PDB file of N, CA and C in Angstrom:
ATOM      1  N   UNK A   1      29.150  38.457 -22.194  1.00  0.00           N
ATOM      2  CA  UNK A   1      29.022  38.325 -23.852  1.00  0.00           C
ATOM      3  C   UNK A   1      29.697  37.356 -24.307  1.00  0.00           C
ATOM      4  N   UNK A   2      29.183  36.388 -25.277  1.00  0.00           N
ATOM      5  CA  UNK A   2      29.792  35.353 -25.857  1.00  0.00           C
ATOM      6  C   UNK A   2      30.501  35.759 -26.794  1.00  0.00           C
ATOM      7  N   UNK A   3      32.010  35.456 -27.260  1.00  0.00           N
ATOM      8  CA  UNK A   3      32.671  35.979 -28.451  1.00  0.00           C
ATOM      9  C   UNK A   3      32.179  35.376 -29.509  1.00  0.00           C
ATOM     10  N   UNK A   4      31.769  34.288 -29.556  1.00  0.00           N
ATOM     11  CA  UNK A   4      31.355  33.642 -31.084  1.00  0.00           C
ATOM     12  C   UNK A   4      30.264  34.382 -31.327  1.00  0.00           C
ATOM     13  N   UNK A   5      29.340  34.637 -30.621  1.00  0.00           N
ATOM     14  CA  UNK A   5      27.999  35.410 -31.235  1.00  0.00           C
ATOM     15  C   UNK A   5      27.830  36.741 -31.210  1.00  0.00           C
ATOM     16  N   UNK A   6      28.646  37.185 -30.099  1.00  0.00           N
ATOM     17  CA  UNK A   6      28.701  38.549 -29.880  1.00  0.00           C
ATOM     18  C   UNK A   6      27.135  38.862 -28.940  1.00  0.00           C
ATOM     19  N   UNK A   7      26.745  38.197 -28.498  1.00  0.00           N
ATOM     20  CA  UNK A   7      25.351  37.920 -28.014  1.00  0.00           C
ATOM     21  C   UNK A   7      25.647  38.635 -26.216  1.00  0.00           C
ATOM     22  N   UNK A   8      24.691  39.649 -26.250  1.00  0.00           N
ATOM     23  CA  UNK A   8      24.640  40.023 -24.797  1.00  0.00           C
ATOM     24  C   UNK A   8      23.471  39.752 -24.084  1.00  0.00           C
ATOM     25  N   UNK A   9      23.544  39.406 -22.802  1.00  0.00           N
ATOM     26  CA  UNK A   9      22.606  39.027 -21.846  1.00  0.00           C
ATOM     27  C   UNK A   9      22.638  39.861 -20.495  1.00  0.00           C
ATOM     28  N   UNK A  10      21.541  40.606 -20.407  1.00  0.00           N
ATOM     29  CA  UNK A  10      21.462  41.177 -19.012  1.00  0.00           C
ATOM     30  C   UNK A  10      21.182  40.479 -18.106  1.00  0.00           C
ATOM     31  N   UNK A  11      22.000  40.437 -16.802  1.00  0.00           N
ATOM     32  CA  UNK A  11      21.888  39.572 -15.601  1.00  0.00           C
ATOM     33  C   UNK A  11      20.803  39.862 -14.910  1.00  0.00           C
ATOM     34  N   UNK A  12      20.488  40.794 -14.498  1.00  0.00           N
ATOM     35  CA  UNK A  12      19.403  41.524 -13.321  1.00  0.00           C
ATOM     36  C   UNK A  12      18.462  41.951 -14.061  1.00  0.00           C
ATOM     37  N   UNK A  13      17.562  40.901 -14.435  1.00  0.00           N
ATOM     38  CA  UNK A  13      16.127  41.423 -15.218  1.00  0.00           C
ATOM     39  C   UNK A  13      15.077  40.813 -14.141  1.00  0.00           C
ATOM     40  N   UNK A  14      13.940  41.320 -14.127  1.00  0.00           N
ATOM     41  CA  UNK A  14      12.835  40.876 -13.234  1.00  0.00           C
ATOM     42  C   UNK A  14      12.010  39.791 -14.159  1.00  0.00           C
ATOM     43  N   UNK A  15      11.995  38.553 -13.456  1.00  0.00           N
ATOM     44  CA  UNK A  15      11.109  37.253 -14.236  1.00  0.00           C
ATOM     45  C   UNK A  15      10.030  37.304 -13.136  1.00  0.00           C
ATOM     46  N   UNK A  16       8.669  37.444 -13.740  1.00  0.00           N
ATOM     47  CA  UNK A  16       7.555  36.951 -12.936  1.00  0.00           C
ATOM     48  C   UNK A  16       7.499  35.425 -12.362  1.00  0.00           C
ATOM     49  N   UNK A  17       7.526  34.454 -13.385  1.00  0.00           N
ATOM     50  CA  UNK A  17       7.332  33.108 -12.893  1.00  0.00           C
ATOM     51  C   UNK A  17       8.469  32.705 -12.157  1.00  0.00           C
ATOM     52  N   UNK A  18       8.231  31.810 -11.157  1.00  0.00           N
ATOM     53  CA  UNK A  18       9.492  31.158 -10.441  1.00  0.00           C
ATOM     54  C   UNK A  18       8.874  29.773 -10.166  1.00  0.00           C
ATOM     55  N   UNK A  19       9.865  28.976 -10.248  1.00  0.00           N
ATOM     56  CA  UNK A  19       9.398  27.367  -9.786  1.00  0.00           C
ATOM     57  C   UNK A  19       9.513  27.261  -8.570  1.00  0.00           C
ATOM     58  N   UNK A  20       8.815  26.413  -7.837  1.00  0.00           N
ATOM     59  CA  UNK A  20       8.677  26.123  -6.595  1.00  0.00           C
ATOM     60  C   UNK A  20       9.812  25.093  -6.340  1.00  0.00           C
ATOM     61  N   UNK A  21       9.961  24.134  -7.063  1.00  0.00           N
ATOM     62  CA  UNK A  21      11.271  22.962  -7.126  1.00  0.00           C
ATOM     63  C   UNK A  21      12.469  23.411  -7.244  1.00  0.00           C
ATOM     64  N   UNK A  22      12.565  24.554  -8.073  1.00  0.00           N
ATOM     65  CA  UNK A  22      13.712  25.355  -8.078  1.00  0.00           C
ATOM     66  C   UNK A  22      14.310  26.002  -6.844  1.00  0.00           C
ATOM     67  N   UNK A  23      13.103  26.408  -6.032  1.00  0.00           N
ATOM     68  CA  UNK A  23      13.505  27.082  -4.892  1.00  0.00           C
ATOM     69  C   UNK A  23      14.036  26.091  -3.745  1.00  0.00           C
ATOM     70  N   UNK A  24      13.663  24.748  -3.942  1.00  0.00           N
ATOM     71  CA  UNK A  24      14.244  23.746  -2.945  1.00  0.00           C
ATOM     72  C   UNK A  24      15.736  23.403  -3.575  1.00  0.00           C
ATOM     73  N   UNK A  25      15.859  23.407  -4.849  1.00  0.00           N
ATOM     74  CA  UNK A  25      16.953  22.836  -5.527  1.00  0.00           C
ATOM     75  C   UNK A  25      18.250  24.089  -5.047  1.00  0.00           C
ATOM     76  N   UNK A  26      17.737  25.276  -5.227  1.00  0.00           N
ATOM     77  CA  UNK A  26      18.562  26.524  -4.946  1.00  0.00           C
ATOM     78  C   UNK A  26      19.582  26.319  -3.558  1.00  0.00           C
ATOM     79  N   UNK A  27      18.799  25.625  -2.631  1.00  0.00           N
ATOM     80  CA  UNK A  27      19.391  25.798  -1.132  1.00  0.00           C
ATOM     81  C   UNK A  27      20.747  24.840  -1.210  1.00  0.00           C
ATOM     82  N   UNK A  28      20.744  23.702  -2.150  1.00  0.00           N
ATOM     83  CA  UNK A  28      21.943  22.922  -2.168  1.00  0.00           C
ATOM     84  C   UNK A  28      22.873  23.629  -3.114  1.00  0.00           C
ATOM     85  N   UNK A  29      22.368  24.485  -4.131  1.00  0.00           N
ATOM     86  CA  UNK A  29      23.314  25.331  -5.035  1.00  0.00           C
ATOM     87  C   UNK A  29      23.742  26.264  -4.041  1.00  0.00           C
ATOM     88  N   UNK A  30      22.934  26.984  -3.239  1.00  0.00           N
ATOM     89  CA  UNK A  30      23.766  27.945  -2.437  1.00  0.00           C
ATOM     90  C   UNK A  30      25.027  27.580  -1.817  1.00  0.00           C
ATOM     91  N   UNK A  31      24.572  26.481  -1.214  1.00  0.00           N
ATOM     92  CA  UNK A  31      25.890  25.683  -0.277  1.00  0.00           C
ATOM     93  C   UNK A  31      27.051  25.623  -1.202  1.00  0.00           C
ATOM     94  N   UNK A  32      26.941  25.036  -2.555  1.00  0.00           N
ATOM     95  CA  UNK A  32      27.906  24.589  -3.359  1.00  0.00           C
ATOM     96  C   UNK A  32      28.558  25.831  -3.987  1.00  0.00           C
ATOM     97  N   UNK A  33      27.669  26.652  -4.367  1.00  0.00           N
ATOM     98  CA  UNK A  33      28.185  28.072  -4.766  1.00  0.00           C
ATOM     99  C   UNK A  33      29.237  28.647  -3.638  1.00  0.00           C
ATOM    100  N   UNK A  34      28.515  28.859  -2.430  1.00  0.00           N
ATOM    101  CA  UNK A  34      29.149  29.477  -1.431  1.00  0.00           C
ATOM    102  C   UNK A  34      30.580  28.890  -0.864  1.00  0.00           C
ATOM    103  N   UNK A  35      30.786  27.589  -1.176  1.00  0.00           N
ATOM    104  CA  UNK A  35      31.947  27.048  -0.883  1.00  0.00           C
ATOM    105  C   UNK A  35      32.976  27.238  -1.807  1.00  0.00           C
ATOM    106  N   UNK A  36      32.457  27.264  -3.286  1.00  0.00           N
ATOM    107  CA  UNK A  36      33.380  27.594  -4.353  1.00  0.00           C
ATOM    108  C   UNK A  36      33.764  29.172  -4.096  1.00  0.00           C
ATOM    109  N   UNK A  37      32.874  30.129  -3.969  1.00  0.00           N
ATOM    110  CA  UNK A  37      33.306  31.602  -3.836  1.00  0.00           C
ATOM    111  C   UNK A  37      33.968  31.802  -2.589  1.00  0.00           C
ATOM    112  N   UNK A  38      33.705  31.052  -1.362  1.00  0.00           N
ATOM    113  CA  UNK A  38      34.919  31.130  -0.272  1.00  0.00           C
ATOM    114  C   UNK A  38      36.235  30.873  -0.528  1.00  0.00           C
ATOM    115  N   UNK A  39      36.413  29.501  -1.325  1.00  0.00           N
ATOM    116  CA  UNK A  39      37.818  29.026  -1.544  1.00  0.00           C
ATOM    117  C   UNK A  39      38.398  30.298  -2.366  1.00  0.00           C
ATOM    118  N   UNK A  40      37.931  30.423  -3.454  1.00  0.00           N
ATOM    119  CA  UNK A  40      38.259  31.401  -4.641  1.00  0.00           C
ATOM    120  C   UNK A  40      38.463  32.713  -4.197  1.00  0.00           C
ATOM    121  N   UNK A  41      37.699  33.268  -3.094  1.00  0.00           N
ATOM    122  CA  UNK A  41      37.825  34.508  -2.300  1.00  0.00           C
ATOM    123  C   UNK A  41      38.966  34.355  -1.450  1.00  0.00           C
ATOM    124  N   UNK A  42      39.304  33.451  -0.717  1.00  0.00           N
ATOM    125  CA  UNK A  42      40.624  33.301  -0.339  1.00  0.00           C
ATOM    126  C   UNK A  42      42.138  33.238  -1.135  1.00  0.00           C
ATOM    127  N   UNK A  43      41.732  32.572  -1.961  1.00  0.00           N
ATOM    128  CA  UNK A  43      42.580  32.782  -3.257  1.00  0.00           C
ATOM    129  C   UNK A  43      42.707  34.343  -3.958  1.00  0.00           C
ATOM    130  N   UNK A  44      41.941  34.886  -3.819  1.00  0.00           N
ATOM    131  CA  UNK A  44      41.830  36.073  -4.629  1.00  0.00           C
ATOM    132  C   UNK A  44      42.519  37.103  -3.684  1.00  0.00           C
ATOM    133  N   UNK A  45      42.160  37.044  -2.307  1.00  0.00           N
ATOM    134  CA  UNK A  45      42.921  37.737  -1.197  1.00  0.00           C
ATOM    135  C   UNK A  45      44.230  37.564  -1.293  1.00  0.00           C
ATOM    136  N   UNK A  46      44.651  36.558  -1.018  1.00  0.00           N
ATOM    137  CA  UNK A  46      46.258  36.162  -1.396  1.00  0.00           C
ATOM    138  C   UNK A  46      46.828  36.848  -2.379  1.00  0.00           C
ATOM    139  N   UNK A  47      46.130  36.575  -3.586  1.00  0.00           N
ATOM    140  CA  UNK A  47      46.773  37.300  -4.565  1.00  0.00           C
ATOM    141  C   UNK A  47      46.863  38.747  -4.545  1.00  0.00           C
ATOM    142  N   UNK A  48      45.697  39.263  -4.083  1.00  0.00           N
ATOM    143  CA  UNK A  48      45.887  40.705  -3.845  1.00  0.00           C
ATOM    144  C   UNK A  48      46.969  41.247  -3.149  1.00  0.00           C
ATOM    145  N   UNK A  49      47.237  40.497  -1.929  1.00  0.00           N
ATOM    146  CA  UNK A  49      48.212  40.921  -0.865  1.00  0.00           C
ATOM    147  C   UNK A  49      49.494  40.801  -1.639  1.00  0.00           C
ATOM    148  N   UNK A  50      49.840  39.776  -2.353  1.00  0.00           N
ATOM    149  CA  UNK A  50      51.007  39.403  -3.231  1.00  0.00           C
ATOM    150  C   UNK A  50      51.256  40.776  -4.421  1.00  0.00           C
ATOM    151  N   UNK A  51      49.804  40.870  -4.615  1.00  0.00           N
ATOM    152  CA  UNK A  51      49.885  42.173  -5.829  1.00  0.00           C
ATOM    153  C   UNK A  51      50.386  43.288  -5.255  1.00  0.00           C
ATOM    154  N   UNK A  52      49.935  43.746  -3.883  1.00  0.00           N
ATOM    155  CA  UNK A  52      50.374  44.866  -3.076  1.00  0.00           C
ATOM    156  C   UNK A  52      51.788  44.980  -3.019  1.00  0.00           C
ATOM    157  N   UNK A  53      52.412  43.688  -2.466  1.00  0.00           N
ATOM    158  CA  UNK A  53      53.738  43.919  -2.500  1.00  0.00           C
ATOM    159  C   UNK A  53      54.547  44.085  -3.522  1.00  0.00           C
ATOM    160  N   UNK A  54      53.790  43.254  -4.778  1.00  0.00           N
ATOM    161  CA  UNK A  54      54.457  43.603  -6.196  1.00  0.00           C
ATOM    162  C   UNK A  54      54.654  44.853  -6.666  1.00  0.00           C
ATOM    163  N   UNK A  55      53.515  45.636  -6.498  1.00  0.00           N
ATOM    164  CA  UNK A  55      53.327  47.107  -6.819  1.00  0.00           C
ATOM    165  C   UNK A  55      54.471  47.959  -6.003  1.00  0.00           C
ATOM    166  N   UNK A  56      54.334  47.633  -4.747  1.00  0.00           N
ATOM    167  CA  UNK A  56      55.375  48.605  -3.838  1.00  0.00           C
ATOM    168  C   UNK A  56      56.788  48.240  -4.223  1.00  0.00           C
ATOM    169  N   UNK A  57      57.283  47.072  -4.613  1.00  0.00           N
ATOM    170  CA  UNK A  57      58.590  46.620  -4.853  1.00  0.00           C
ATOM    171  C   UNK A  57      59.077  47.101  -6.208  1.00  0.00           C
ATOM    172  N   UNK A  58      58.198  46.781  -7.217  1.00  0.00           N
ATOM    173  CA  UNK A  58      58.258  46.996  -8.645  1.00  0.00           C
ATOM    174  C   UNK A  58      57.865  47.995  -9.269  1.00  0.00           C
ATOM    175  N   UNK A  59      56.940  48.678  -8.748  1.00  0.00           N
ATOM    176  CA  UNK A  59      56.012  49.694  -9.219  1.00  0.00           C
ATOM    177  C   UNK A  59      55.177  49.455 -10.504  1.00  0.00           C
ATOM    178  N   UNK A  60      54.717  48.028 -10.659  1.00  0.00           N
ATOM    179  CA  UNK A  60      53.953  47.783 -11.765  1.00  0.00           C
ATOM    180  C   UNK A  60      53.103  46.537 -11.227  1.00  0.00           C
ATOM    181  N   UNK A  61      52.003  46.313 -12.072  1.00  0.00           N
ATOM    182  CA  UNK A  61      51.191  45.184 -11.390  1.00  0.00           C
ATOM    183  C   UNK A  61      51.523  43.902 -12.272  1.00  0.00           C
ATOM    184  N   UNK A  62      51.188  42.769 -11.658  1.00  0.00           N
ATOM    185  CA  UNK A  62      51.372  41.410 -12.259  1.00  0.00           C
ATOM    186  C   UNK A  62      50.023  41.234 -12.690  1.00  0.00           C
ATOM    187  N   UNK A  63      50.035  40.789 -14.222  1.00  0.00           N
ATOM    188  CA  UNK A  63      48.752  40.402 -14.922  1.00  0.00           C
ATOM    189  C   UNK A  63      48.193  39.255 -14.477  1.00  0.00           C
ATOM    190  N   UNK A  64      49.001  38.069 -13.894  1.00  0.00           N
ATOM    191  CA  UNK A  64      48.337  36.992 -13.554  1.00  0.00           C
ATOM    192  C   UNK A  64      47.553  36.966 -12.337  1.00  0.00           C
ATOM    193  N   UNK A  65      48.366  37.614 -11.586  1.00  0.00           N
ATOM    194  CA  UNK A  65      47.588  38.087 -10.163  1.00  0.00           C
ATOM    195  C   UNK A  65      46.200  39.125 -10.267  1.00  0.00           C
ATOM    196  N   UNK A  66      46.421  39.893 -11.408  1.00  0.00           N
ATOM    197  CA  UNK A  66      45.128  40.718 -11.598  1.00  0.00           C
ATOM    198  C   UNK A  66      43.870  39.923 -12.203  1.00  0.00           C
ATOM    199  N   UNK A  67      44.473  39.007 -13.053  1.00  0.00           N
ATOM    200  CA  UNK A  67      43.464  38.146 -13.667  1.00  0.00           C
ATOM    201  C   UNK A  67      42.550  37.245 -12.761  1.00  0.00           C
ATOM    202  N   UNK A  68      43.348  36.931 -11.759  1.00  0.00           N
ATOM    203  CA  UNK A  68      42.699  35.964 -10.573  1.00  0.00           C
ATOM    204  C   UNK A  68      41.799  36.686  -9.950  1.00  0.00           C
ATOM    205  N   UNK A  69      41.999  37.942  -9.475  1.00  0.00           N
ATOM    206  CA  UNK A  69      40.994  38.895  -8.767  1.00  0.00           C
ATOM    207  C   UNK A  69      39.929  39.047  -9.648  1.00  0.00           C
ATOM    208  N   UNK A  70      40.111  39.589 -10.999  1.00  0.00           N
ATOM    209  CA  UNK A  70      39.174  39.933 -12.019  1.00  0.00           C
ATOM    210  C   UNK A  70      38.220  38.444 -12.158  1.00  0.00           C
ATOM    211  N   UNK A  71      38.643  37.446 -12.123  1.00  0.00           N
ATOM    212  CA  UNK A  71      37.797  36.234 -12.411  1.00  0.00           C
ATOM    213  C   UNK A  71      37.021  36.117 -10.999  1.00  0.00           C
ATOM    214  N   UNK A  72      37.386  36.261  -9.871  1.00  0.00           N
ATOM    215  CA  UNK A  72      36.609  36.225  -8.868  1.00  0.00           C
ATOM    216  C   UNK A  72      35.446  37.066  -8.457  1.00  0.00           C
ATOM    217  N   UNK A  73      35.892  38.215  -9.221  1.00  0.00           N
ATOM    218  CA  UNK A  73      34.778  39.247  -9.061  1.00  0.00           C
ATOM    219  C   UNK A  73      33.585  38.863 -10.376  1.00  0.00           C
ATOM    220  N   UNK A  74      34.148  38.736 -11.296  1.00  0.00           N
ATOM    221  CA  UNK A  74      33.117  38.112 -12.585  1.00  0.00           C
ATOM    222  C   UNK A  74      32.520  36.878 -12.148  1.00  0.00           C
ATOM    223  N   UNK A  75      33.008  36.069 -11.152  1.00  0.00           N
ATOM    224  CA  UNK A  75      32.326  34.912 -10.742  1.00  0.00           C
ATOM    225  C   UNK A  75      31.224  35.250  -9.737  1.00  0.00           C
ATOM    226  N   UNK A  76      31.234  36.161  -9.027  1.00  0.00           N
ATOM    227  CA  UNK A  76      30.235  36.816  -7.863  1.00  0.00           C
ATOM    228  C   UNK A  76      29.181  37.342  -8.718  1.00  0.00           C
ATOM    229  N   UNK A  77      29.399  38.240  -9.711  1.00  0.00           N
ATOM    230  CA  UNK A  77      28.445  38.669 -10.754  1.00  0.00           C
ATOM    231  C   UNK A  77      27.660  37.493 -11.252  1.00  0.00           C
ATOM    232  N   UNK A  78      28.327  36.776 -11.921  1.00  0.00           N
ATOM    233  CA  UNK A  78      27.898  35.696 -12.730  1.00  0.00           C
ATOM    234  C   UNK A  78      26.838  34.988 -11.829  1.00  0.00           C
ATOM    235  N   UNK A  79      26.893  34.678 -10.560  1.00  0.00           N
ATOM    236  CA  UNK A  79      26.016  33.707  -9.739  1.00  0.00           C
ATOM    237  C   UNK A  79      25.163  34.584  -8.989  1.00  0.00           C
ATOM    238  N   UNK A  80      25.162  35.833  -9.056  1.00  0.00           N
ATOM    239  CA  UNK A  80      24.371  36.882  -8.062  1.00  0.00           C
ATOM    240  C   UNK A  80      23.112  36.853  -8.411  1.00  0.00           C
ATOM    241  N   UNK A  81      22.604  36.903  -9.319  1.00  0.00           N
ATOM    242  CA  UNK A  81      21.047  36.932  -9.813  1.00  0.00           C
ATOM    243  C   UNK A  81      20.263  35.538  -9.425  1.00  0.00           C
ATOM    244  N   UNK A  82      21.154  34.316  -9.347  1.00  0.00           N
ATOM    245  CA  UNK A  82      20.642  33.210  -8.867  1.00  0.00           C
ATOM    246  C   UNK A  82      20.648  33.108  -7.460  1.00  0.00           C
ATOM    247  N   UNK A  83      21.661  33.558  -6.819  1.00  0.00           N
ATOM    248  CA  UNK A  83      21.735  33.562  -5.262  1.00  0.00           C
ATOM    249  C   UNK A  83      20.781  34.451  -4.785  1.00  0.00           C
ATOM    250  N   UNK A  84      20.566  35.568  -5.378  1.00  0.00           N
ATOM    251  CA  UNK A  84      19.634  36.593  -4.860  1.00  0.00           C
ATOM    252  C   UNK A  84      18.226  36.330  -5.206  1.00  0.00           C
ATOM    253  N   UNK A  85      17.968  35.198  -5.603  1.00  0.00           N
ATOM    254  CA  UNK A  85      16.363  34.694  -6.134  1.00  0.00           C
ATOM    255  C   UNK A  85      15.988  35.769  -7.179  1.00  0.00           C
ATOM    256  N   UNK A  86      16.772  36.198  -7.939  1.00  0.00           N
ATOM    257  CA  UNK A  86      16.158  36.948  -9.120  1.00  0.00           C
ATOM    258  C   UNK A  86      15.764  36.188 -10.526  1.00  0.00           C
ATOM    259  N   UNK A  87      16.415  35.221 -10.570  1.00  0.00           N
ATOM    260  CA  UNK A  87      16.348  34.217 -11.715  1.00  0.00           C
ATOM    261  C   UNK A  87      16.280  32.697 -11.388  1.00  0.00           C
ATOM    262  N   UNK A  88      15.505  31.833 -12.022  1.00  0.00           N
ATOM    263  CA  UNK A  88      15.582  30.511 -11.753  1.00  0.00           C
ATOM    264  C   UNK A  88      16.712  29.829 -12.815  1.00  0.00           C
ATOM    265  N   UNK A  89      17.491  30.591 -13.767  1.00  0.00           N
ATOM    266  CA  UNK A  89      18.449  30.118 -14.597  1.00  0.00           C
ATOM    267  C   UNK A  89      19.747  29.785 -13.594  1.00  0.00           C
ATOM    268  N   UNK A  90      19.961  28.414 -13.569  1.00  0.00           N
ATOM    269  CA  UNK A  90      20.964  27.983 -12.668  1.00  0.00           C
ATOM    270  C   UNK A  90      22.352  28.217 -13.315  1.00  0.00           C
ATOM    271  N   UNK A  91      23.333  28.999 -12.613  1.00  0.00           N
ATOM    272  CA  UNK A  91      24.658  29.038 -13.297  1.00  0.00           C
ATOM    273  C   UNK A  91      25.541  27.952 -12.855  1.00  0.00           C
ATOM    274  N   UNK A  92      26.787  28.057 -13.733  1.00  0.00           N
ATOM    275  CA  UNK A  92      27.673  26.847 -13.133  1.00  0.00           C
ATOM    276  C   UNK A  92      27.996  26.972 -11.774  1.00  0.00           C
ATOM    277  N   UNK A  93      28.530  25.673 -11.200  1.00  0.00           N
ATOM    278  CA  UNK A  93      28.932  26.003  -9.593  1.00  0.00           C
ATOM    279  C   UNK A  93      30.479  26.728  -9.922  1.00  0.00           C
ATOM    280  N   UNK A  94      31.115  25.844 -10.815  1.00  0.00           N
ATOM    281  CA  UNK A  94      32.525  26.274 -10.921  1.00  0.00           C
ATOM    282  C   UNK A  94      32.556  27.603 -11.925  1.00  0.00           C
ATOM    283  N   UNK A  95      33.562  28.358 -11.566  1.00  0.00           N
ATOM    284  CA  UNK A  95      33.727  29.515 -12.264  1.00  0.00           C
ATOM    285  C   UNK A  95      33.971  29.291 -13.847  1.00  0.00           C
ATOM    286  N   UNK A  96      33.128  30.061 -14.657  1.00  0.00           N
ATOM    287  CA  UNK A  96      33.243  29.949 -15.989  1.00  0.00           C
ATOM    288  C   UNK A  96      33.609  31.309 -16.527  1.00  0.00           C
ATOM    289  N   UNK A  97      34.154  31.500 -17.936  1.00  0.00           N
ATOM    290  CA  UNK A  97      34.706  32.648 -18.221  1.00  0.00           C
ATOM    291  C   UNK A  97      33.470  33.506 -18.895  1.00  0.00           C
ATOM    292  N   UNK A  98      33.328  34.742 -18.193  1.00  0.00           N
ATOM    293  CA  UNK A  98      32.289  35.698 -18.332  1.00  0.00           C
ATOM    294  C   UNK A  98      33.009  37.245 -18.586  1.00  0.00           C
ATOM    295  N   UNK A  99      32.333  37.827 -18.938  1.00  0.00           N
ATOM    296  CA  UNK A  99      32.911  39.259 -18.945  1.00  0.00           C
ATOM    297  C   UNK A  99      31.908  40.382 -18.333  1.00  0.00           C
ATOM    298  N   UNK A 100      32.271  41.055 -17.617  1.00  0.00           N
ATOM    299  CA  UNK A 100      31.255  42.212 -17.050  1.00  0.00           C
ATOM    300  C   UNK A 100      31.890  43.485 -17.548  1.00  0.00           C
ATOM    301  N   UNK A 101      30.593  44.324 -18.178  1.00  0.00           N
ATOM    302  CA  UNK A 101      30.800  45.673 -18.595  1.00  0.00           C
ATOM    303  C   UNK A 101      29.938  46.561 -17.980  1.00  0.00           C
ATOM    304  N   UNK A 102      30.366  47.851 -18.015  1.00  0.00           N
ATOM    305  CA  UNK A 102      29.726  49.126 -17.353  1.00  0.00           C
ATOM    306  C   UNK A 102      29.197  49.661 -18.565  1.00  0.00           C
ATOM    307  N   UNK A 103      27.850  50.073 -18.522  1.00  0.00           N
ATOM    308  CA  UNK A 103      27.385  50.657 -19.492  1.00  0.00           C
ATOM    309  C   UNK A 103      26.957  52.218 -19.087  1.00  0.00           C
ATOM    310  N   UNK A 104      27.429  53.149 -19.980  1.00  0.00           N
ATOM    311  CA  UNK A 104      27.287  54.662 -19.629  1.00  0.00           C
ATOM    312  C   UNK A 104      26.103  55.337 -20.525  1.00  0.00           C
ATOM    313  N   UNK A 105      25.320  55.894 -19.966  1.00  0.00           N
ATOM    314  CA  UNK A 105      24.616  56.491 -20.816  1.00  0.00           C
ATOM    315  C   UNK A 105      24.875  58.142 -21.063  1.00  0.00           C
TER     316      UNK A 105
END
């Protein structure tokens, strides 16, 4: 959801048309996204370990450490539809600010 317009975009929609050229470009993007996700994942894992000790010692969570883990999960969801060949819309390689919501019916 973008805060300026309040627009929502569903991430995992079926798209009938697919570009052959985009399929080749996707391989390079997979590698770049994989490297970024791997590094970000290591940082998030370290933050989670520190967060665990922080909770154990102080009995409360650290917001900064939590935001890093949250950002990592949002990044994964943001790139997932492209990585799993559900969409030809290329996401940014570097993490961007996105928000993930769960809708209950």
